[in-house]
Amino acid sequence: MYARRRRNYFLMMGGCVALFVSAWAVVRLWSMPVAVGMCVVAMVIPPVAAMVANRRGPEDRWWDDPSGDPESDEWWDELDGRKRH
């Protein structure tokens, strides 16, 4: 799960860099509006890549899930003001 998210992040960021570099190294020679459009698309990719990389999967442990250590879970529940059933 972590490796898949990391791979997706790096693929998206690599695509972002490729778009930006190709826009100003090659595409601008033929069409400036297309190069600017490619840069706009490249500008949108990093926030989307960050959301993809930080998305919680169904198999991921969430921050408030029990850890399996009864003493630790009891301590955290007391700290959070929750009673264990």
N, C-alpha and C. Protein backbone atom coordinates (compact mmCIF):
# COMPACT_ATOMS: atom_id res chain seq x y z
N MET A 1 0.81 -1.19 0.00
CA MET A 1 0.00 0.00 0.00
C MET A 1 0.86 1.26 0.00
N TYR A 2 1.87 1.31 0.86
CA TYR A 2 2.74 2.49 0.91
C TYR A 2 3.57 2.59 -0.37
N ALA A 3 4.10 1.47 -0.83
CA ALA A 3 4.92 1.47 -2.04
C ALA A 3 4.10 1.88 -3.26
N ARG A 4 2.86 1.44 -3.32
CA ARG A 4 1.99 1.80 -4.45
C ARG A 4 1.70 3.30 -4.45
N ARG A 5 1.42 3.86 -3.28
CA ARG A 5 1.16 5.30 -3.20
C ARG A 5 2.41 6.10 -3.55
N ARG A 6 3.56 5.63 -3.06
CA ARG A 6 4.81 6.33 -3.35
C ARG A 6 5.13 6.27 -4.84
N ARG A 7 4.93 5.11 -5.46
CA ARG A 7 5.17 4.96 -6.90
C ARG A 7 4.25 5.89 -7.69
N ASN A 8 2.97 5.93 -7.32
CA ASN A 8 2.03 6.82 -8.01
C ASN A 8 2.44 8.29 -7.86
N TYR A 9 2.89 8.65 -6.67
CA TYR A 9 3.34 10.03 -6.43
C TYR A 9 4.50 10.38 -7.35
N PHE A 10 5.51 9.51 -7.40
CA PHE A 10 6.68 9.80 -8.22
C PHE A 10 6.35 9.77 -9.72
N LEU A 11 5.44 8.92 -10.13
CA LEU A 11 5.01 8.93 -11.53
C LEU A 11 4.32 10.25 -11.88
N MET A 12 3.45 10.71 -10.99
CA MET A 12 2.75 11.98 -11.24
C MET A 12 3.73 13.15 -11.24
N MET A 13 4.66 13.18 -10.30
CA MET A 13 5.62 14.27 -10.25
C MET A 13 6.58 14.21 -11.43
N GLY A 14 6.94 13.00 -11.87
CA GLY A 14 7.77 12.87 -13.07
C GLY A 14 7.05 13.39 -14.29
N GLY A 15 5.75 13.09 -14.39
CA GLY A 15 4.94 13.63 -15.48
C GLY A 15 4.86 15.14 -15.44
N CYS A 16 4.80 15.69 -14.24
CA CYS A 16 4.76 17.15 -14.07
C CYS A 16 6.05 17.77 -14.60
N VAL A 17 7.17 17.23 -14.19
CA VAL A 17 8.46 17.75 -14.65
C VAL A 17 8.59 17.59 -16.17
N ALA A 18 8.18 16.44 -16.68
CA ALA A 18 8.26 16.20 -18.13
C ALA A 18 7.39 17.20 -18.90
N LEU A 19 6.19 17.46 -18.41
CA LEU A 19 5.33 18.46 -19.06
C LEU A 19 5.97 19.83 -19.08
N PHE A 20 6.48 20.23 -17.94
CA PHE A 20 7.07 21.57 -17.82
C PHE A 20 8.29 21.72 -18.73
N VAL A 21 9.19 20.74 -18.67
CA VAL A 21 10.41 20.83 -19.47
C VAL A 21 10.10 20.75 -20.96
N SER A 22 9.23 19.83 -21.35
CA SER A 22 8.92 19.72 -22.78
C SER A 22 8.15 20.94 -23.28
N ALA A 23 7.33 21.54 -22.41
CA ALA A 23 6.60 22.74 -22.83
C ALA A 23 7.55 23.86 -23.20
N TRP A 24 8.58 24.09 -22.40
CA TRP A 24 9.46 25.23 -22.65
C TRP A 24 10.69 24.88 -23.48
N ALA A 25 11.00 23.60 -23.63
CA ALA A 25 12.15 23.23 -24.46
C ALA A 25 11.74 22.96 -25.90
N VAL A 26 10.53 22.42 -26.12
CA VAL A 26 10.15 21.98 -27.45
C VAL A 26 8.87 22.65 -27.93
N VAL A 27 7.81 22.54 -27.17
CA VAL A 27 6.48 22.95 -27.64
C VAL A 27 6.39 24.45 -27.87
N ARG A 28 7.08 25.25 -27.10
CA ARG A 28 7.00 26.72 -27.26
C ARG A 28 7.49 27.18 -28.62
N LEU A 29 8.31 26.36 -29.29
CA LEU A 29 8.81 26.72 -30.61
C LEU A 29 7.69 26.70 -31.65
N TRP A 30 6.67 25.88 -31.43
CA TRP A 30 5.56 25.77 -32.37
C TRP A 30 4.32 26.52 -31.92
N SER A 31 4.03 26.47 -30.60
CA SER A 31 2.80 27.11 -30.13
C SER A 31 2.95 27.55 -28.67
N MET A 32 2.98 28.83 -28.47
CA MET A 32 3.09 29.37 -27.12
C MET A 32 1.85 29.09 -26.28
N PRO A 33 0.63 29.22 -26.82
CA PRO A 33 -0.55 28.91 -26.00
C PRO A 33 -0.58 27.44 -25.53
N VAL A 34 -0.15 26.53 -26.36
CA VAL A 34 -0.11 25.12 -25.95
C VAL A 34 0.92 24.93 -24.84
N ALA A 35 2.07 25.59 -24.95
CA ALA A 35 3.09 25.50 -23.92
C ALA A 35 2.58 26.04 -22.59
N VAL A 36 1.86 27.14 -22.63
CA VAL A 36 1.29 27.71 -21.40
C VAL A 36 0.23 26.76 -20.84
N GLY A 37 -0.58 26.18 -21.70
CA GLY A 37 -1.57 25.20 -21.24
C GLY A 37 -0.93 23.99 -20.59
N MET A 38 0.18 23.53 -21.16
CA MET A 38 0.89 22.40 -20.55
C MET A 38 1.42 22.78 -19.17
N CYS A 39 1.88 24.02 -19.03
CA CYS A 39 2.36 24.47 -17.72
C CYS A 39 1.23 24.59 -16.70
N VAL A 40 0.06 24.98 -17.16
CA VAL A 40 -1.10 25.04 -16.26
C VAL A 40 -1.46 23.64 -15.78
N VAL A 41 -1.44 22.67 -16.69
CA VAL A 41 -1.70 21.28 -16.29
C VAL A 41 -0.62 20.82 -15.32
N ALA A 42 0.65 21.15 -15.60
CA ALA A 42 1.75 20.78 -14.71
C ALA A 42 1.61 21.44 -13.34
N MET A 43 0.99 22.61 -13.30
CA MET A 43 0.79 23.31 -12.03
C MET A 43 -0.25 22.61 -11.15
N VAL A 44 -1.21 21.94 -11.76
CA VAL A 44 -2.27 21.27 -11.02
C VAL A 44 -1.83 19.91 -10.48
N ILE A 45 -0.86 19.31 -11.11
CA ILE A 45 -0.46 17.94 -10.74
C ILE A 45 0.12 17.82 -9.32
N PRO A 46 1.02 18.69 -8.83
CA PRO A 46 1.60 18.49 -7.50
C PRO A 46 0.59 18.40 -6.35
N PRO A 47 -0.43 19.28 -6.28
CA PRO A 47 -1.39 19.10 -5.18
C PRO A 47 -2.17 17.78 -5.29
N VAL A 48 -2.51 17.39 -6.52
CA VAL A 48 -3.21 16.12 -6.71
C VAL A 48 -2.31 14.96 -6.31
N ALA A 49 -1.02 15.04 -6.67
CA ALA A 49 -0.08 13.99 -6.29
C ALA A 49 0.06 13.89 -4.78
N ALA A 50 0.07 15.02 -4.09
CA ALA A 50 0.14 15.00 -2.63
C ALA A 50 -1.10 14.35 -2.03
N MET A 51 -2.27 14.64 -2.60
CA MET A 51 -3.50 14.02 -2.09
C MET A 51 -3.48 12.52 -2.33
N VAL A 52 -3.00 12.09 -3.49
CA VAL A 52 -2.92 10.66 -3.80
C VAL A 52 -1.95 9.98 -2.85
N ALA A 53 -0.81 10.61 -2.60
CA ALA A 53 0.21 10.00 -1.75
C ALA A 53 -0.23 9.91 -0.29
N ASN A 54 -1.08 10.82 0.15
CA ASN A 54 -1.48 10.85 1.56
C ASN A 54 -2.85 10.26 1.81
N ARG A 55 -3.48 9.73 0.77
CA ARG A 55 -4.81 9.15 0.93
C ARG A 55 -4.73 7.88 1.77
N ARG A 56 -5.66 7.72 2.66
CA ARG A 56 -5.72 6.53 3.50
C ARG A 56 -6.44 5.43 2.74
N GLY A 57 -5.78 4.30 2.61
CA GLY A 57 -6.39 3.16 1.95
C GLY A 57 -7.26 2.37 2.91
N PRO A 58 -8.10 1.48 2.40
CA PRO A 58 -8.98 0.70 3.28
C PRO A 58 -8.20 -0.24 4.20
N GLU A 59 -6.99 -0.62 3.82
CA GLU A 59 -6.22 -1.53 4.66
C GLU A 59 -5.24 -0.80 5.57
N ASP A 60 -5.18 0.53 5.50
CA ASP A 60 -4.27 1.31 6.35
C ASP A 60 -4.83 1.43 7.76
N ARG A 61 -3.92 1.47 8.73
CA ARG A 61 -4.30 1.68 10.12
C ARG A 61 -4.50 3.17 10.33
N TRP A 62 -5.60 3.56 10.92
CA TRP A 62 -5.88 4.96 11.17
C TRP A 62 -5.31 5.35 12.52
N TRP A 63 -5.16 6.63 12.76
CA TRP A 63 -4.45 7.11 13.95
C TRP A 63 -5.14 6.71 15.25
N ASP A 64 -6.46 6.56 15.25
CA ASP A 64 -7.15 6.24 16.50
C ASP A 64 -7.58 4.78 16.58
N ASP A 65 -7.14 3.94 15.66
CA ASP A 65 -7.42 2.51 15.76
C ASP A 65 -6.66 1.92 16.94
N PRO A 66 -7.21 0.92 17.58
CA PRO A 66 -6.48 0.26 18.67
C PRO A 66 -5.16 -0.33 18.17
N SER A 67 -4.13 -0.19 18.99
CA SER A 67 -2.81 -0.67 18.58
C SER A 67 -2.63 -2.16 18.87
N GLY A 68 -3.46 -2.72 19.73
CA GLY A 68 -3.30 -4.11 20.13
C GLY A 68 -2.65 -4.26 21.49
N ASP A 69 -2.05 -3.20 21.99
CA ASP A 69 -1.46 -3.19 23.33
C ASP A 69 -2.51 -2.64 24.28
N PRO A 70 -3.11 -3.51 25.13
CA PRO A 70 -4.21 -3.05 25.99
C PRO A 70 -3.84 -1.88 26.91
N GLU A 71 -2.63 -1.90 27.43
CA GLU A 71 -2.22 -0.84 28.34
C GLU A 71 -2.10 0.50 27.60
N SER A 72 -1.50 0.46 26.43
CA SER A 72 -1.36 1.67 25.63
C SER A 72 -2.72 2.19 25.17
N ASP A 73 -3.59 1.28 24.71
CA ASP A 73 -4.92 1.70 24.26
C ASP A 73 -5.72 2.30 25.41
N GLU A 74 -5.62 1.71 26.59
CA GLU A 74 -6.33 2.23 27.75
C GLU A 74 -5.81 3.63 28.10
N TRP A 75 -4.49 3.80 28.04
CA TRP A 75 -3.89 5.09 28.36
C TRP A 75 -4.36 6.16 27.37
N TRP A 76 -4.34 5.84 26.06
CA TRP A 76 -4.78 6.81 25.06
C TRP A 76 -6.26 7.12 25.19
N ASP A 77 -7.08 6.10 25.49
CA ASP A 77 -8.53 6.35 25.67
C ASP A 77 -8.77 7.26 26.87
N GLU A 78 -8.02 7.06 27.95
CA GLU A 78 -8.15 7.92 29.11
C GLU A 78 -7.74 9.34 28.76
N LEU A 79 -6.67 9.48 28.01
CA LEU A 79 -6.18 10.79 27.62
C LEU A 79 -7.18 11.50 26.72
N ASP A 80 -7.85 10.76 25.82
CA ASP A 80 -8.83 11.34 24.92
C ASP A 80 -10.19 11.52 25.57
N GLY A 81 -10.36 11.04 26.81
CA GLY A 81 -11.64 11.20 27.50
C GLY A 81 -12.66 10.16 27.11
N ARG A 82 -12.22 9.06 26.56
CA ARG A 82 -13.14 7.99 26.15
C ARG A 82 -13.04 6.82 27.14
N LYS A 83 -14.13 6.17 27.34
CA LYS A 83 -14.16 4.97 28.18
C LYS A 83 -14.11 3.75 27.29
N ARG A 84 -13.34 2.77 27.69
CA ARG A 84 -13.27 1.51 26.93
C ARG A 84 -14.38 0.61 27.38
N HIS A 85 -14.96 -0.07 26.39
CA HIS A 85 -16.07 -0.99 26.71
C HIS A 85 -15.54 -2.39 26.86
